[in-house]
Amino acid sequence: MNGAALGGAVTLTLGLFLGSAFTKDRENRLDPSAYKTCMDEANGITSEMHGCLADELARQDKLLNDAHKTAMDSMVNDAEKIRLRDTERE
């Protein structure tokens, strides 16, 4: 496996793990069957396989970004609650 392929495999694995680890609802979690089906249909054609990888990476990136936004929103809400609590104590 050359360096670019290994880097792509590591990136996909990390993306798949993070995407599945940070989502709550089942339909957004890792669905290896869709990726596997795409790769099977690519019939070993490299450009088609790259398309499958790009689609899955984009899907996982969106999931990760959504999870990050949710976490950041939660932190902002918590900070606001603390600020209000501290204001009430003064």
PDB file of N, CA and C in Angstrom:
ATOM      1  N   MET A   1       0.864  -1.175   0.000  1.00  0.00           N
ATOM      2  CA  MET A   1       0.000   0.000   0.000  1.00  0.00           C
ATOM      3  C   MET A   1       0.898   1.221   0.000  1.00  0.00           C
ATOM      4  N   ASN A   2       0.696   2.117  -0.959  1.00  0.00           N
ATOM      5  CA  ASN A   2       1.547   3.304  -1.021  1.00  0.00           C
ATOM      6  C   ASN A   2       1.117   4.320   0.028  1.00  0.00           C
ATOM      7  N   GLY A   3       1.917   5.371   0.188  1.00  0.00           N
ATOM      8  CA  GLY A   3       1.666   6.374   1.225  1.00  0.00           C
ATOM      9  C   GLY A   3       0.329   7.069   1.089  1.00  0.00           C
ATOM     10  N   ALA A   4      -0.060   7.419  -0.138  1.00  0.00           N
ATOM     11  CA  ALA A   4      -1.334   8.115  -0.353  1.00  0.00           C
ATOM     12  C   ALA A   4      -2.508   7.217   0.000  1.00  0.00           C
ATOM     13  N   ALA A   5      -2.419   5.956  -0.391  1.00  0.00           N
ATOM     14  CA  ALA A   5      -3.504   5.022  -0.081  1.00  0.00           C
ATOM     15  C   ALA A   5      -3.589   4.782   1.421  1.00  0.00           C
ATOM     16  N   LEU A   6      -2.444   4.648   2.067  1.00  0.00           N
ATOM     17  CA  LEU A   6      -2.432   4.453   3.519  1.00  0.00           C
ATOM     18  C   LEU A   6      -3.003   5.675   4.227  1.00  0.00           C
ATOM     19  N   GLY A   7      -2.624   6.864   3.769  1.00  0.00           N
ATOM     20  CA  GLY A   7      -3.156   8.098   4.360  1.00  0.00           C
ATOM     21  C   GLY A   7      -4.660   8.180   4.192  1.00  0.00           C
ATOM     22  N   GLY A   8      -5.152   7.803   3.012  1.00  0.00           N
ATOM     23  CA  GLY A   8      -6.593   7.795   2.770  1.00  0.00           C
ATOM     24  C   GLY A   8      -7.306   6.804   3.662  1.00  0.00           C
ATOM     25  N   ALA A   9      -6.698   5.632   3.841  1.00  0.00           N
ATOM     26  CA  ALA A   9      -7.303   4.604   4.690  1.00  0.00           C
ATOM     27  C   ALA A   9      -7.355   5.065   6.146  1.00  0.00           C
ATOM     28  N   VAL A  10      -6.281   5.686   6.607  1.00  0.00           N
ATOM     29  CA  VAL A  10      -6.240   6.191   7.991  1.00  0.00           C
ATOM     30  C   VAL A  10      -7.269   7.298   8.166  1.00  0.00           C
ATOM     31  N   THR A  11      -7.347   8.199   7.200  1.00  0.00           N
ATOM     32  CA  THR A  11      -8.310   9.297   7.270  1.00  0.00           C
ATOM     33  C   THR A  11      -9.734   8.765   7.297  1.00  0.00           C
ATOM     34  N   LEU A  12     -10.021   7.808   6.433  1.00  0.00           N
ATOM     35  CA  LEU A  12     -11.366   7.227   6.400  1.00  0.00           C
ATOM     36  C   LEU A  12     -11.683   6.537   7.718  1.00  0.00           C
ATOM     37  N   THR A  13     -10.743   5.762   8.230  1.00  0.00           N
ATOM     38  CA  THR A  13     -10.972   5.052   9.487  1.00  0.00           C
ATOM     39  C   THR A  13     -11.242   6.036  10.616  1.00  0.00           C
ATOM     40  N   LEU A  14     -10.433   7.079  10.705  1.00  0.00           N
ATOM     41  CA  LEU A  14     -10.630   8.088  11.742  1.00  0.00           C
ATOM     42  C   LEU A  14     -11.969   8.787  11.568  1.00  0.00           C
ATOM     43  N   GLY A  15     -12.267   9.155  10.332  1.00  0.00           N
ATOM     44  CA  GLY A  15     -13.546   9.817  10.054  1.00  0.00           C
ATOM     45  C   GLY A  15     -14.730   8.935  10.396  1.00  0.00           C
ATOM     46  N   LEU A  16     -14.636   7.663  10.043  1.00  0.00           N
ATOM     47  CA  LEU A  16     -15.731   6.737  10.353  1.00  0.00           C
ATOM     48  C   LEU A  16     -15.895   6.570  11.856  1.00  0.00           C
ATOM     49  N   PHE A  17     -14.765   6.458  12.562  1.00  0.00           N
ATOM     50  CA  PHE A  17     -14.834   6.302  14.006  1.00  0.00           C
ATOM     51  C   PHE A  17     -15.427   7.536  14.665  1.00  0.00           C
ATOM     52  N   LEU A  18     -14.897   8.691  14.320  1.00  0.00           N
ATOM     53  CA  LEU A  18     -15.380   9.918  14.949  1.00  0.00           C
ATOM     54  C   LEU A  18     -16.831  10.196  14.593  1.00  0.00           C
ATOM     55  N   GLY A  19     -17.161   9.971  13.350  1.00  0.00           N
ATOM     56  CA  GLY A  19     -18.546  10.191  12.939  1.00  0.00           C
ATOM     57  C   GLY A  19     -19.511   9.314  13.701  1.00  0.00           C
ATOM     58  N   SER A  20     -19.155   8.043  13.888  1.00  0.00           N
ATOM     59  CA  SER A  20     -20.054   7.142  14.598  1.00  0.00           C
ATOM     60  C   SER A  20     -20.018   7.394  16.107  1.00  0.00           C
ATOM     61  N   ALA A  21     -18.902   7.863  16.614  1.00  0.00           N
ATOM     62  CA  ALA A  21     -18.776   8.062  18.049  1.00  0.00           C
ATOM     63  C   ALA A  21     -19.558   9.274  18.545  1.00  0.00           C
ATOM     64  N   PHE A  22     -19.745  10.278  17.700  1.00  0.00           N
ATOM     65  CA  PHE A  22     -20.357  11.516  18.146  1.00  0.00           C
ATOM     66  C   PHE A  22     -21.801  11.705  17.712  1.00  0.00           C
ATOM     67  N   THR A  23     -22.391  10.720  17.081  1.00  0.00           N
ATOM     68  CA  THR A  23     -23.783  10.863  16.676  1.00  0.00           C
ATOM     69  C   THR A  23     -24.675  10.085  17.613  1.00  0.00           C
ATOM     70  N   LYS A  24     -25.879  10.597  17.807  1.00  0.00           N
ATOM     71  CA  LYS A  24     -26.811   9.953  18.722  1.00  0.00           C
ATOM     72  C   LYS A  24     -27.831   9.098  17.989  1.00  0.00           C
ATOM     73  N   ASP A  25     -28.334   9.596  16.876  1.00  0.00           N
ATOM     74  CA  ASP A  25     -29.407   8.876  16.207  1.00  0.00           C
ATOM     75  C   ASP A  25     -28.856   7.845  15.229  1.00  0.00           C
ATOM     76  N   ARG A  26     -29.527   6.713  15.187  1.00  0.00           N
ATOM     77  CA  ARG A  26     -29.063   5.536  14.469  1.00  0.00           C
ATOM     78  C   ARG A  26     -28.849   5.774  12.976  1.00  0.00           C
ATOM     79  N   GLU A  27     -29.728   6.512  12.314  1.00  0.00           N
ATOM     80  CA  GLU A  27     -29.612   6.656  10.866  1.00  0.00           C
ATOM     81  C   GLU A  27     -28.381   7.441  10.447  1.00  0.00           C
ATOM     82  N   ASN A  28     -27.769   8.194  11.345  1.00  0.00           N
ATOM     83  CA  ASN A  28     -26.583   8.967  11.004  1.00  0.00           C
ATOM     84  C   ASN A  28     -25.284   8.239  11.307  1.00  0.00           C
ATOM     85  N   ARG A  29     -25.373   7.113  11.971  1.00  0.00           N
ATOM     86  CA  ARG A  29     -24.156   6.397  12.344  1.00  0.00           C
ATOM     87  C   ARG A  29     -23.523   5.711  11.147  1.00  0.00           C
ATOM     88  N   LEU A  30     -22.374   5.182  11.399  1.00  0.00           N
ATOM     89  CA  LEU A  30     -21.630   4.468  10.377  1.00  0.00           C
ATOM     90  C   LEU A  30     -22.496   3.411   9.708  1.00  0.00           C
ATOM     91  N   ASP A  31     -22.571   3.485   8.390  1.00  0.00           N
ATOM     92  CA  ASP A  31     -23.303   2.488   7.619  1.00  0.00           C
ATOM     93  C   ASP A  31     -22.341   1.904   6.604  1.00  0.00           C
ATOM     94  N   PRO A  32     -21.557   0.903   7.020  1.00  0.00           N
ATOM     95  CA  PRO A  32     -20.555   0.365   6.112  1.00  0.00           C
ATOM     96  C   PRO A  32     -21.168  -0.284   4.868  1.00  0.00           C
ATOM     97  N   SER A  33     -22.437  -0.645   4.920  1.00  0.00           N
ATOM     98  CA  SER A  33     -23.041  -1.300   3.758  1.00  0.00           C
ATOM     99  C   SER A  33     -23.118  -0.353   2.563  1.00  0.00           C
ATOM    100  N   ALA A  34     -23.417   0.927   2.779  1.00  0.00           N
ATOM    101  CA  ALA A  34     -23.490   1.883   1.673  1.00  0.00           C
ATOM    102  C   ALA A  34     -22.111   2.074   1.046  1.00  0.00           C
ATOM    103  N   TYR A  35     -21.099   2.205   1.877  1.00  0.00           N
ATOM    104  CA  TYR A  35     -19.732   2.373   1.375  1.00  0.00           C
ATOM    105  C   TYR A  35     -19.277   1.103   0.660  1.00  0.00           C
ATOM    106  N   LYS A  36     -19.548  -0.049   1.275  1.00  0.00           N
ATOM    107  CA  LYS A  36     -19.160  -1.330   0.676  1.00  0.00           C
ATOM    108  C   LYS A  36     -19.861  -1.536  -0.657  1.00  0.00           C
ATOM    109  N   THR A  37     -21.145  -1.224  -0.729  1.00  0.00           N
ATOM    110  CA  THR A  37     -21.889  -1.360  -1.982  1.00  0.00           C
ATOM    111  C   THR A  37     -21.274  -0.494  -3.069  1.00  0.00           C
ATOM    112  N   CYS A  38     -20.957   0.744  -2.709  1.00  0.00           N
ATOM    113  CA  CYS A  38     -20.336   1.663  -3.675  1.00  0.00           C
ATOM    114  C   CYS A  38     -19.006   1.095  -4.164  1.00  0.00           C
ATOM    115  N   MET A  39     -18.193   0.598  -3.230  1.00  0.00           N
ATOM    116  CA  MET A  39     -16.901   0.047  -3.610  1.00  0.00           C
ATOM    117  C   MET A  39     -17.068  -1.212  -4.471  1.00  0.00           C
ATOM    118  N   ASP A  40     -18.049  -2.041  -4.140  1.00  0.00           N
ATOM    119  CA  ASP A  40     -18.310  -3.244  -4.946  1.00  0.00           C
ATOM    120  C   ASP A  40     -18.714  -2.859  -6.366  1.00  0.00           C
ATOM    121  N   GLU A  41     -19.561  -1.842  -6.475  1.00  0.00           N
ATOM    122  CA  GLU A  41     -20.034  -1.395  -7.791  1.00  0.00           C
ATOM    123  C   GLU A  41     -18.934  -0.704  -8.589  1.00  0.00           C
ATOM    124  N   ALA A  42     -17.875  -0.260  -7.912  1.00  0.00           N
ATOM    125  CA  ALA A  42     -16.762   0.396  -8.606  1.00  0.00           C
ATOM    126  C   ALA A  42     -15.956  -0.611  -9.434  1.00  0.00           C
ATOM    127  N   ASN A  43     -16.094  -1.884  -9.111  1.00  0.00           N
ATOM    128  CA  ASN A  43     -15.410  -2.955  -9.866  1.00  0.00           C
ATOM    129  C   ASN A  43     -13.911  -2.723 -10.009  1.00  0.00           C
ATOM    130  N   GLY A  44     -13.293  -2.203  -8.970  1.00  0.00           N
ATOM    131  CA  GLY A  44     -11.849  -2.016  -8.984  1.00  0.00           C
ATOM    132  C   GLY A  44     -11.374  -0.829  -9.799  1.00  0.00           C
ATOM    133  N   ILE A  45     -12.285  -0.009 -10.297  1.00  0.00           N
ATOM    134  CA  ILE A  45     -11.898   1.177 -11.066  1.00  0.00           C
ATOM    135  C   ILE A  45     -11.519   2.267 -10.072  1.00  0.00           C
ATOM    136  N   THR A  46     -10.261   2.651 -10.129  1.00  0.00           N
ATOM    137  CA  THR A  46      -9.717   3.566  -9.123  1.00  0.00           C
ATOM    138  C   THR A  46     -10.510   4.861  -9.012  1.00  0.00           C
ATOM    139  N   SER A  47     -10.845   5.474 -10.141  1.00  0.00           N
ATOM    140  CA  SER A  47     -11.561   6.755 -10.078  1.00  0.00           C
ATOM    141  C   SER A  47     -12.936   6.576  -9.427  1.00  0.00           C
ATOM    142  N   GLU A  48     -13.592   5.453  -9.691  1.00  0.00           N
ATOM    143  CA  GLU A  48     -14.889   5.178  -9.059  1.00  0.00           C
ATOM    144  C   GLU A  48     -14.713   4.968  -7.555  1.00  0.00           C
ATOM    145  N   MET A  49     -13.653   4.268  -7.179  1.00  0.00           N
ATOM    146  CA  MET A  49     -13.376   4.016  -5.765  1.00  0.00           C
ATOM    147  C   MET A  49     -13.077   5.324  -5.037  1.00  0.00           C
ATOM    148  N   HIS A  50     -12.372   6.226  -5.712  1.00  0.00           N
ATOM    149  CA  HIS A  50     -12.099   7.545  -5.118  1.00  0.00           C
ATOM    150  C   HIS A  50     -13.409   8.308  -4.901  1.00  0.00           C
ATOM    151  N   GLY A  51     -14.351   8.143  -5.816  1.00  0.00           N
ATOM    152  CA  GLY A  51     -15.661   8.772  -5.655  1.00  0.00           C
ATOM    153  C   GLY A  51     -16.385   8.241  -4.427  1.00  0.00           C
ATOM    154  N   CYS A  52     -16.313   6.923  -4.222  1.00  0.00           N
ATOM    155  CA  CYS A  52     -16.933   6.319  -3.036  1.00  0.00           C
ATOM    156  C   CYS A  52     -16.308   6.881  -1.765  1.00  0.00           C
ATOM    157  N   LEU A  53     -14.994   6.953  -1.762  1.00  0.00           N
ATOM    158  CA  LEU A  53     -14.273   7.471  -0.603  1.00  0.00           C
ATOM    159  C   LEU A  53     -14.627   8.939  -0.362  1.00  0.00           C
ATOM    160  N   ALA A  54     -14.667   9.725  -1.426  1.00  0.00           N
ATOM    161  CA  ALA A  54     -14.996  11.147  -1.290  1.00  0.00           C
ATOM    162  C   ALA A  54     -16.406  11.330  -0.730  1.00  0.00           C
ATOM    163  N   ASP A  55     -17.350  10.525  -1.217  1.00  0.00           N
ATOM    164  CA  ASP A  55     -18.723  10.621  -0.720  1.00  0.00           C
ATOM    165  C   ASP A  55     -18.802  10.274   0.767  1.00  0.00           C
ATOM    166  N   GLU A  56     -18.112   9.213   1.158  1.00  0.00           N
ATOM    167  CA  GLU A  56     -18.159   8.796   2.561  1.00  0.00           C
ATOM    168  C   GLU A  56     -17.436   9.800   3.446  1.00  0.00           C
ATOM    169  N   LEU A  57     -16.316  10.320   2.988  1.00  0.00           N
ATOM    170  CA  LEU A  57     -15.609  11.329   3.781  1.00  0.00           C
ATOM    171  C   LEU A  57     -16.458  12.585   3.945  1.00  0.00           C
ATOM    172  N   ALA A  58     -17.159  12.991   2.897  1.00  0.00           N
ATOM    173  CA  ALA A  58     -18.032  14.169   2.987  1.00  0.00           C
ATOM    174  C   ALA A  58     -19.162  13.911   3.986  1.00  0.00           C
ATOM    175  N   ARG A  59     -19.729  12.709   3.952  1.00  0.00           N
ATOM    176  CA  ARG A  59     -20.813  12.364   4.880  1.00  0.00           C
ATOM    177  C   ARG A  59     -20.297  12.382   6.315  1.00  0.00           C
ATOM    178  N   GLN A  60     -19.139  11.777   6.534  1.00  0.00           N
ATOM    179  CA  GLN A  60     -18.575  11.737   7.877  1.00  0.00           C
ATOM    180  C   GLN A  60     -18.154  13.130   8.345  1.00  0.00           C
ATOM    181  N   ASP A  61     -17.636  13.951   7.442  1.00  0.00           N
ATOM    182  CA  ASP A  61     -17.255  15.317   7.795  1.00  0.00           C
ATOM    183  C   ASP A  61     -18.469  16.108   8.257  1.00  0.00           C
ATOM    184  N   LYS A  62     -19.579  15.945   7.567  1.00  0.00           N
ATOM    185  CA  LYS A  62     -20.811  16.633   7.961  1.00  0.00           C
ATOM    186  C   LYS A  62     -21.258  16.170   9.348  1.00  0.00           C
ATOM    187  N   LEU A  63     -21.201  14.860   9.596  1.00  0.00           N
ATOM    188  CA  LEU A  63     -21.584  14.342  10.911  1.00  0.00           C
ATOM    189  C   LEU A  63     -20.692  14.911  12.009  1.00  0.00           C
ATOM    190  N   LEU A  64     -19.396  14.952  11.739  1.00  0.00           N
ATOM    191  CA  LEU A  64     -18.461  15.480  12.729  1.00  0.00           C
ATOM    192  C   LEU A  64     -18.703  16.970  12.965  1.00  0.00           C
ATOM    193  N   ASN A  65     -18.923  17.720  11.898  1.00  0.00           N
ATOM    194  CA  ASN A  65     -19.210  19.146  12.041  1.00  0.00           C
ATOM    195  C   ASN A  65     -20.503  19.381  12.811  1.00  0.00           C
ATOM    196  N   ASP A  66     -21.523  18.581  12.538  1.00  0.00           N
ATOM    197  CA  ASP A  66     -22.788  18.696  13.268  1.00  0.00           C
ATOM    198  C   ASP A  66     -22.588  18.413  14.757  1.00  0.00           C
ATOM    199  N   ALA A  67     -21.805  17.363  15.054  1.00  0.00           N
ATOM    200  CA  ALA A  67     -21.535  17.017  16.453  1.00  0.00           C
ATOM    201  C   ALA A  67     -20.753  18.135  17.138  1.00  0.00           C
ATOM    202  N   HIS A  68     -19.792  18.710  16.427  1.00  0.00           N
ATOM    203  CA  HIS A  68     -18.997  19.806  16.993  1.00  0.00           C
ATOM    204  C   HIS A  68     -19.883  21.013  17.275  1.00  0.00           C
ATOM    205  N   LYS A  69     -20.757  21.347  16.336  1.00  0.00           N
ATOM    206  CA  LYS A  69     -21.667  22.480  16.525  1.00  0.00           C
ATOM    207  C   LYS A  69     -22.571  22.244  17.738  1.00  0.00           C
ATOM    208  N   THR A  70     -23.082  21.036  17.861  1.00  0.00           N
ATOM    209  CA  THR A  70     -23.932  20.698  19.008  1.00  0.00           C
ATOM    210  C   THR A  70     -23.155  20.858  20.314  1.00  0.00           C
ATOM    211  N   ALA A  71     -21.915  20.389  20.331  1.00  0.00           N
ATOM    212  CA  ALA A  71     -21.090  20.507  21.543  1.00  0.00           C
ATOM    213  C   ALA A  71     -20.808  21.969  21.866  1.00  0.00           C
ATOM    214  N   MET A  72     -20.490  22.755  20.850  1.00  0.00           N
ATOM    215  CA  MET A  72     -20.210  24.175  21.069  1.00  0.00           C
ATOM    216  C   MET A  72     -21.459  24.910  21.549  1.00  0.00           C
ATOM    217  N   ASP A  73     -22.609  24.615  20.954  1.00  0.00           N
ATOM    218  CA  ASP A  73     -23.859  25.234  21.393  1.00  0.00           C
ATOM    219  C   ASP A  73     -24.144  24.900  22.850  1.00  0.00           C
ATOM    220  N   SER A  74     -23.880  23.660  23.228  1.00  0.00           N
ATOM    221  CA  SER A  74     -24.097  23.237  24.603  1.00  0.00           C
ATOM    222  C   SER A  74     -23.176  23.990  25.554  1.00  0.00           C
ATOM    223  N   MET A  75     -21.922  24.175  25.152  1.00  0.00           N
ATOM    224  CA  MET A  75     -20.976  24.906  25.989  1.00  0.00           C
ATOM    225  C   MET A  75     -21.397  26.364  26.147  1.00  0.00           C
ATOM    226  N   VAL A  76     -21.875  26.976  25.064  1.00  0.00           N
ATOM    227  CA  VAL A  76     -22.329  28.371  25.126  1.00  0.00           C
ATOM    228  C   VAL A  76     -23.525  28.472  26.062  1.00  0.00           C
ATOM    229  N   ASN A  77     -24.453  27.536  25.947  1.00  0.00           N
ATOM    230  CA  ASN A  77     -25.630  27.536  26.824  1.00  0.00           C
ATOM    231  C   ASN A  77     -25.218  27.377  28.283  1.00  0.00           C
ATOM    232  N   ASP A  78     -24.275  26.475  28.539  1.00  0.00           N
ATOM    233  CA  ASP A  78     -23.806  26.272  29.908  1.00  0.00           C
ATOM    234  C   ASP A  78     -23.128  27.528  30.440  1.00  0.00           C
ATOM    235  N   ALA A  79     -22.316  28.173  29.613  1.00  0.00           N
ATOM    236  CA  ALA A  79     -21.637  29.401  30.035  1.00  0.00           C
ATOM    237  C   ALA A  79     -22.649  30.499  30.348  1.00  0.00           C
ATOM    238  N   GLU A  80     -23.697  30.584  29.541  1.00  0.00           N
ATOM    239  CA  GLU A  80     -24.742  31.582  29.774  1.00  0.00           C
ATOM    240  C   GLU A  80     -25.468  31.313  31.095  1.00  0.00           C
ATOM    241  N   LYS A  81     -25.747  30.053  31.379  1.00  0.00           N
ATOM    242  CA  LYS A  81     -26.414  29.687  32.632  1.00  0.00           C
ATOM    243  C   LYS A  81     -25.551  30.064  33.831  1.00  0.00           C
ATOM    244  N   ILE A  82     -24.254  29.826  33.721  1.00  0.00           N
ATOM    245  CA  ILE A  82     -23.343  30.175  34.814  1.00  0.00           C
ATOM    246  C   ILE A  82     -23.294  31.685  34.988  1.00  0.00           C
ATOM    247  N   ARG A  83     -23.235  32.420  33.876  1.00  0.00           N
ATOM    248  CA  ARG A  83     -23.215  33.881  33.953  1.00  0.00           C
ATOM    249  C   ARG A  83     -24.479  34.393  34.637  1.00  0.00           C
ATOM    250  N   LEU A  84     -25.635  33.849  34.249  1.00  0.00           N
ATOM    251  CA  LEU A  84     -26.912  34.280  34.851  1.00  0.00           C
ATOM    252  C   LEU A  84     -26.941  33.934  36.341  1.00  0.00           C
ATOM    253  N   ARG A  85     -26.461  32.759  36.692  1.00  0.00           N
ATOM    254  CA  ARG A  85     -26.422  32.341  38.096  1.00  0.00           C
ATOM    255  C   ARG A  85     -25.554  33.277  38.902  1.00  0.00           C
ATOM    256  N   ASP A  86     -24.390  33.597  38.349  1.00  0.00           N
ATOM    257  CA  ASP A  86     -23.463  34.486  39.063  1.00  0.00           C
ATOM    258  C   ASP A  86     -24.046  35.909  39.176  1.00  0.00           C
ATOM    259  N   THR A  87     -24.766  36.354  38.182  1.00  0.00           N
ATOM    260  CA  THR A  87     -25.391  37.675  38.212  1.00  0.00           C
ATOM    261  C   THR A  87     -26.458  37.731  39.288  1.00  0.00           C
ATOM    262  N   GLU A  88     -27.229  36.636  39.417  1.00  0.00           N
ATOM    263  CA  GLU A  88     -28.280  36.584  40.429  1.00  0.00           C
ATOM    264  C   GLU A  88     -27.720  36.591  41.834  1.00  0.00           C
ATOM    265  N   ARG A  89     -26.529  36.072  42.035  1.00  0.00           N
ATOM    266  CA  ARG A  89     -25.913  36.002  43.357  1.00  0.00           C
ATOM    267  C   ARG A  89     -25.367  37.351  43.810  1.00  0.00           C
ATOM    268  N   GLU A  90     -25.153  38.252  42.872  1.00  0.00           N
ATOM    269  CA  GLU A  90     -24.553  39.558  43.236  1.00  0.00           C
ATOM    270  C   GLU A  90     -25.526  40.461  43.944  1.00  0.00           C
TER     271      GLU A  90
END
